[in-house]
Amino acid sequence: MMANKRETGKFILVLKGMEDKRLRYLTAKKLAAMWPDTPFAEWKAKLDIGESVVLKRADSVAELNNFKKELDAIGAPADIVEQKSIGGAPVF
């Protein structure tokens, strides 16, 4: 059975793990403002784990550029990466 390839975008906005507590706090505030459906405390908890977080998937880089620029403005380590599939599993 083949998975529906349209449910995930071809590009992903990924936020890398951060060691700096102040930067994690500022980034959590920014993410809560960008995606108000997710509260600040939830973003903060995700960032405090220290792992990369997938923020958004899209079919084009242009759809993600504004989000990345907002994160770049505060120094958050965000990258846009291409979605690939290995053995049918999505990886980046």
N, C-alpha and C. Protein backbone atom coordinates (compact mmCIF):
# COMPACT_ATOMS: atom_id res chain seq x y z
N MET A 1 0.84 -1.18 0.00
CA MET A 1 0.00 0.00 0.00
C MET A 1 0.89 1.25 0.00
N MET A 2 0.62 2.18 -0.87
CA MET A 2 1.45 3.36 -1.02
C MET A 2 0.84 4.54 -0.27
N ALA A 3 1.67 5.28 0.44
CA ALA A 3 1.20 6.45 1.19
C ALA A 3 0.86 7.58 0.23
N ASN A 4 -0.05 8.43 0.63
CA ASN A 4 -0.42 9.59 -0.16
C ASN A 4 0.72 10.60 -0.11
N LYS A 5 1.38 10.84 -1.23
CA LYS A 5 2.53 11.73 -1.27
C LYS A 5 2.15 13.20 -1.15
N ARG A 6 0.90 13.55 -1.35
CA ARG A 6 0.47 14.94 -1.27
C ARG A 6 0.28 15.41 0.17
N GLU A 7 0.26 14.51 1.13
CA GLU A 7 0.03 14.93 2.50
C GLU A 7 1.26 15.61 3.13
N THR A 8 2.43 15.45 2.52
CA THR A 8 3.61 16.14 3.00
C THR A 8 4.17 16.99 1.88
N GLY A 9 4.69 18.16 2.22
CA GLY A 9 5.28 19.03 1.22
C GLY A 9 6.63 18.55 0.77
N LYS A 10 7.12 19.18 -0.28
CA LYS A 10 8.42 18.80 -0.82
C LYS A 10 9.55 19.47 -0.05
N PHE A 11 9.23 20.53 0.70
CA PHE A 11 10.23 21.25 1.48
C PHE A 11 9.74 21.40 2.91
N ILE A 12 10.71 21.45 3.84
CA ILE A 12 10.38 21.50 5.26
C ILE A 12 11.17 22.63 5.92
N LEU A 13 10.48 23.39 6.77
CA LEU A 13 11.15 24.38 7.59
C LEU A 13 11.49 23.70 8.91
N VAL A 14 12.79 23.57 9.18
CA VAL A 14 13.26 22.87 10.37
C VAL A 14 13.98 23.85 11.28
N LEU A 15 13.66 23.77 12.55
CA LEU A 15 14.35 24.56 13.57
C LEU A 15 15.31 23.64 14.30
N LYS A 16 16.58 23.97 14.26
CA LYS A 16 17.60 23.12 14.89
C LYS A 16 17.61 23.33 16.40
N GLY A 17 18.11 22.34 17.11
CA GLY A 17 18.23 22.43 18.56
C GLY A 17 19.16 23.57 18.96
N MET A 18 18.88 24.16 20.13
CA MET A 18 19.66 25.31 20.60
C MET A 18 20.10 25.08 22.03
N GLU A 19 21.33 25.50 22.35
CA GLU A 19 21.82 25.39 23.72
C GLU A 19 21.53 26.66 24.51
N ASP A 20 21.51 27.81 23.86
CA ASP A 20 21.32 29.10 24.51
C ASP A 20 19.90 29.25 25.05
N LYS A 21 19.78 29.36 26.38
CA LYS A 21 18.45 29.46 27.02
C LYS A 21 17.69 30.70 26.57
N ARG A 22 18.40 31.81 26.46
CA ARG A 22 17.75 33.07 26.06
C ARG A 22 17.20 32.94 24.63
N LEU A 23 17.98 32.36 23.75
CA LEU A 23 17.54 32.18 22.37
C LEU A 23 16.33 31.23 22.30
N ARG A 24 16.33 30.18 23.12
CA ARG A 24 15.17 29.27 23.15
C ARG A 24 13.92 30.01 23.60
N TYR A 25 14.07 30.87 24.60
CA TYR A 25 12.94 31.65 25.11
C TYR A 25 12.41 32.60 24.02
N LEU A 26 13.32 33.36 23.39
CA LEU A 26 12.91 34.29 22.34
C LEU A 26 12.27 33.56 21.16
N THR A 27 12.83 32.41 20.82
CA THR A 27 12.29 31.63 19.71
C THR A 27 10.91 31.10 20.05
N ALA A 28 10.71 30.63 21.26
CA ALA A 28 9.40 30.14 21.69
C ALA A 28 8.36 31.26 21.63
N LYS A 29 8.76 32.47 22.04
CA LYS A 29 7.84 33.62 21.95
C LYS A 29 7.48 33.91 20.50
N LYS A 30 8.48 33.87 19.62
CA LYS A 30 8.25 34.15 18.19
C LYS A 30 7.35 33.08 17.57
N LEU A 31 7.60 31.81 17.90
CA LEU A 31 6.78 30.72 17.36
C LEU A 31 5.34 30.82 17.85
N ALA A 32 5.14 31.20 19.10
CA ALA A 32 3.79 31.36 19.64
C ALA A 32 3.06 32.50 18.92
N ALA A 33 3.79 33.53 18.52
CA ALA A 33 3.18 34.63 17.77
C ALA A 33 2.88 34.21 16.33
N MET A 34 3.77 33.41 15.74
CA MET A 34 3.59 32.96 14.35
C MET A 34 2.50 31.91 14.23
N TRP A 35 2.40 31.01 15.22
CA TRP A 35 1.41 29.94 15.23
C TRP A 35 0.64 30.01 16.56
N PRO A 36 -0.32 30.93 16.67
CA PRO A 36 -1.02 31.14 17.95
C PRO A 36 -1.85 29.95 18.43
N ASP A 37 -2.09 28.98 17.60
CA ASP A 37 -2.83 27.78 18.03
C ASP A 37 -2.02 26.94 19.01
N THR A 38 -0.70 27.12 19.00
CA THR A 38 0.17 26.40 19.92
C THR A 38 0.68 27.39 20.97
N PRO A 39 0.39 27.15 22.24
CA PRO A 39 0.80 28.10 23.28
C PRO A 39 2.32 28.16 23.49
N PHE A 40 2.75 29.30 24.04
CA PHE A 40 4.17 29.54 24.31
C PHE A 40 4.79 28.39 25.11
N ALA A 41 4.10 27.94 26.16
CA ALA A 41 4.64 26.89 27.04
C ALA A 41 4.92 25.60 26.26
N GLU A 42 4.07 25.29 25.30
CA GLU A 42 4.28 24.08 24.49
C GLU A 42 5.50 24.24 23.58
N TRP A 43 5.64 25.41 22.96
CA TRP A 43 6.82 25.66 22.13
C TRP A 43 8.08 25.59 22.99
N LYS A 44 8.04 26.23 24.16
CA LYS A 44 9.20 26.25 25.06
C LYS A 44 9.61 24.84 25.45
N ALA A 45 8.63 23.99 25.76
CA ALA A 45 8.92 22.61 26.14
C ALA A 45 9.58 21.85 24.98
N LYS A 46 9.09 22.07 23.76
CA LYS A 46 9.67 21.40 22.59
C LYS A 46 11.12 21.85 22.39
N LEU A 47 11.36 23.15 22.54
CA LEU A 47 12.71 23.67 22.32
C LEU A 47 13.68 23.27 23.42
N ASP A 48 13.18 23.14 24.65
CA ASP A 48 14.04 22.77 25.78
C ASP A 48 14.57 21.34 25.66
N ILE A 49 13.91 20.50 24.88
CA ILE A 49 14.39 19.13 24.67
C ILE A 49 15.72 19.15 23.91
N GLY A 50 15.90 20.15 23.06
CA GLY A 50 17.16 20.32 22.36
C GLY A 50 17.26 19.61 21.02
N GLU A 51 16.16 19.08 20.54
CA GLU A 51 16.16 18.39 19.25
C GLU A 51 15.59 19.30 18.17
N SER A 52 15.83 18.94 16.92
CA SER A 52 15.26 19.69 15.80
C SER A 52 13.75 19.54 15.80
N VAL A 53 13.07 20.62 15.36
CA VAL A 53 11.61 20.63 15.32
C VAL A 53 11.18 20.97 13.90
N VAL A 54 10.31 20.14 13.32
CA VAL A 54 9.73 20.43 12.01
C VAL A 54 8.62 21.44 12.24
N LEU A 55 8.75 22.61 11.63
CA LEU A 55 7.77 23.68 11.84
C LEU A 55 6.67 23.69 10.79
N LYS A 56 7.05 23.51 9.53
CA LYS A 56 6.07 23.61 8.45
C LYS A 56 6.57 22.87 7.22
N ARG A 57 5.62 22.31 6.49
CA ARG A 57 5.92 21.65 5.22
C ARG A 57 5.23 22.43 4.11
N ALA A 58 5.86 22.48 2.94
CA ALA A 58 5.29 23.22 1.81
C ALA A 58 5.78 22.62 0.50
N ASP A 59 5.08 22.95 -0.57
CA ASP A 59 5.45 22.46 -1.88
C ASP A 59 6.54 23.30 -2.55
N SER A 60 6.79 24.51 -2.02
CA SER A 60 7.84 25.34 -2.60
C SER A 60 8.59 26.09 -1.50
N VAL A 61 9.82 26.44 -1.80
CA VAL A 61 10.65 27.17 -0.86
C VAL A 61 10.04 28.55 -0.59
N ALA A 62 9.44 29.15 -1.61
CA ALA A 62 8.85 30.48 -1.48
C ALA A 62 7.79 30.53 -0.37
N GLU A 63 7.05 29.44 -0.19
CA GLU A 63 6.03 29.40 0.86
C GLU A 63 6.64 29.45 2.26
N LEU A 64 7.89 29.08 2.39
CA LEU A 64 8.55 29.01 3.70
C LEU A 64 9.47 30.19 3.98
N ASN A 65 9.82 30.95 2.94
CA ASN A 65 10.80 32.02 3.09
C ASN A 65 10.43 33.06 4.15
N ASN A 66 9.18 33.51 4.19
CA ASN A 66 8.79 34.53 5.17
C ASN A 66 8.92 34.01 6.60
N PHE A 67 8.55 32.75 6.83
CA PHE A 67 8.69 32.16 8.15
C PHE A 67 10.17 32.11 8.55
N LYS A 68 11.02 31.69 7.61
CA LYS A 68 12.46 31.61 7.88
C LYS A 68 13.04 32.98 8.17
N LYS A 69 12.62 34.00 7.42
CA LYS A 69 13.13 35.36 7.64
C LYS A 69 12.78 35.86 9.03
N GLU A 70 11.57 35.56 9.49
CA GLU A 70 11.17 35.99 10.84
C GLU A 70 12.04 35.32 11.90
N LEU A 71 12.34 34.05 11.70
CA LEU A 71 13.20 33.33 12.65
C LEU A 71 14.65 33.80 12.55
N ASP A 72 15.11 34.08 11.33
CA ASP A 72 16.47 34.59 11.14
C ASP A 72 16.66 35.93 11.86
N ALA A 73 15.61 36.75 11.90
CA ALA A 73 15.68 38.07 12.52
C ALA A 73 16.02 38.01 14.00
N ILE A 74 15.66 36.92 14.67
CA ILE A 74 15.99 36.78 16.10
C ILE A 74 17.19 35.86 16.33
N GLY A 75 17.75 35.34 15.25
CA GLY A 75 18.93 34.48 15.36
C GLY A 75 18.63 33.01 15.57
N ALA A 76 17.38 32.61 15.35
CA ALA A 76 17.01 31.20 15.50
C ALA A 76 17.59 30.38 14.34
N PRO A 77 18.16 29.21 14.63
CA PRO A 77 18.78 28.39 13.59
C PRO A 77 17.76 27.58 12.78
N ALA A 78 17.11 28.24 11.84
CA ALA A 78 16.11 27.59 11.00
C ALA A 78 16.68 27.33 9.61
N ASP A 79 16.30 26.21 9.03
CA ASP A 79 16.73 25.85 7.68
C ASP A 79 15.55 25.33 6.89
N ILE A 80 15.61 25.54 5.59
CA ILE A 80 14.63 24.95 4.68
C ILE A 80 15.34 23.79 4.01
N VAL A 81 14.80 22.58 4.18
CA VAL A 81 15.43 21.39 3.61
C VAL A 81 14.45 20.69 2.68
N GLU A 82 14.99 19.94 1.75
CA GLU A 82 14.16 19.21 0.81
C GLU A 82 13.74 17.87 1.41
N GLN A 83 12.45 17.56 1.27
CA GLN A 83 11.91 16.29 1.73
C GLN A 83 12.36 15.20 0.77
N LYS A 84 12.86 14.12 1.31
CA LYS A 84 13.25 12.97 0.49
C LYS A 84 12.54 11.73 1.05
N SER A 85 12.56 10.69 0.29
CA SER A 85 11.93 9.45 0.73
C SER A 85 12.92 8.31 0.53
N ILE A 86 13.15 7.58 1.61
CA ILE A 86 14.03 6.40 1.55
C ILE A 86 13.22 5.20 1.98
N GLY A 87 13.04 4.26 1.09
CA GLY A 87 12.26 3.08 1.39
C GLY A 87 10.81 3.38 1.73
N GLY A 88 10.29 4.48 1.18
CA GLY A 88 8.92 4.88 1.42
C GLY A 88 8.73 5.72 2.67
N ALA A 89 9.79 5.90 3.46
CA ALA A 89 9.69 6.71 4.69
C ALA A 89 10.22 8.10 4.42
N PRO A 90 9.50 9.15 4.84
CA PRO A 90 9.98 10.51 4.64
C PRO A 90 11.17 10.82 5.53
N VAL A 91 12.21 11.39 4.95
CA VAL A 91 13.40 11.82 5.68
C VAL A 91 13.82 13.18 5.17
N PHE A 92 14.65 13.84 5.95
CA PHE A 92 15.19 15.14 5.51
C PHE A 92 16.58 15.32 6.03
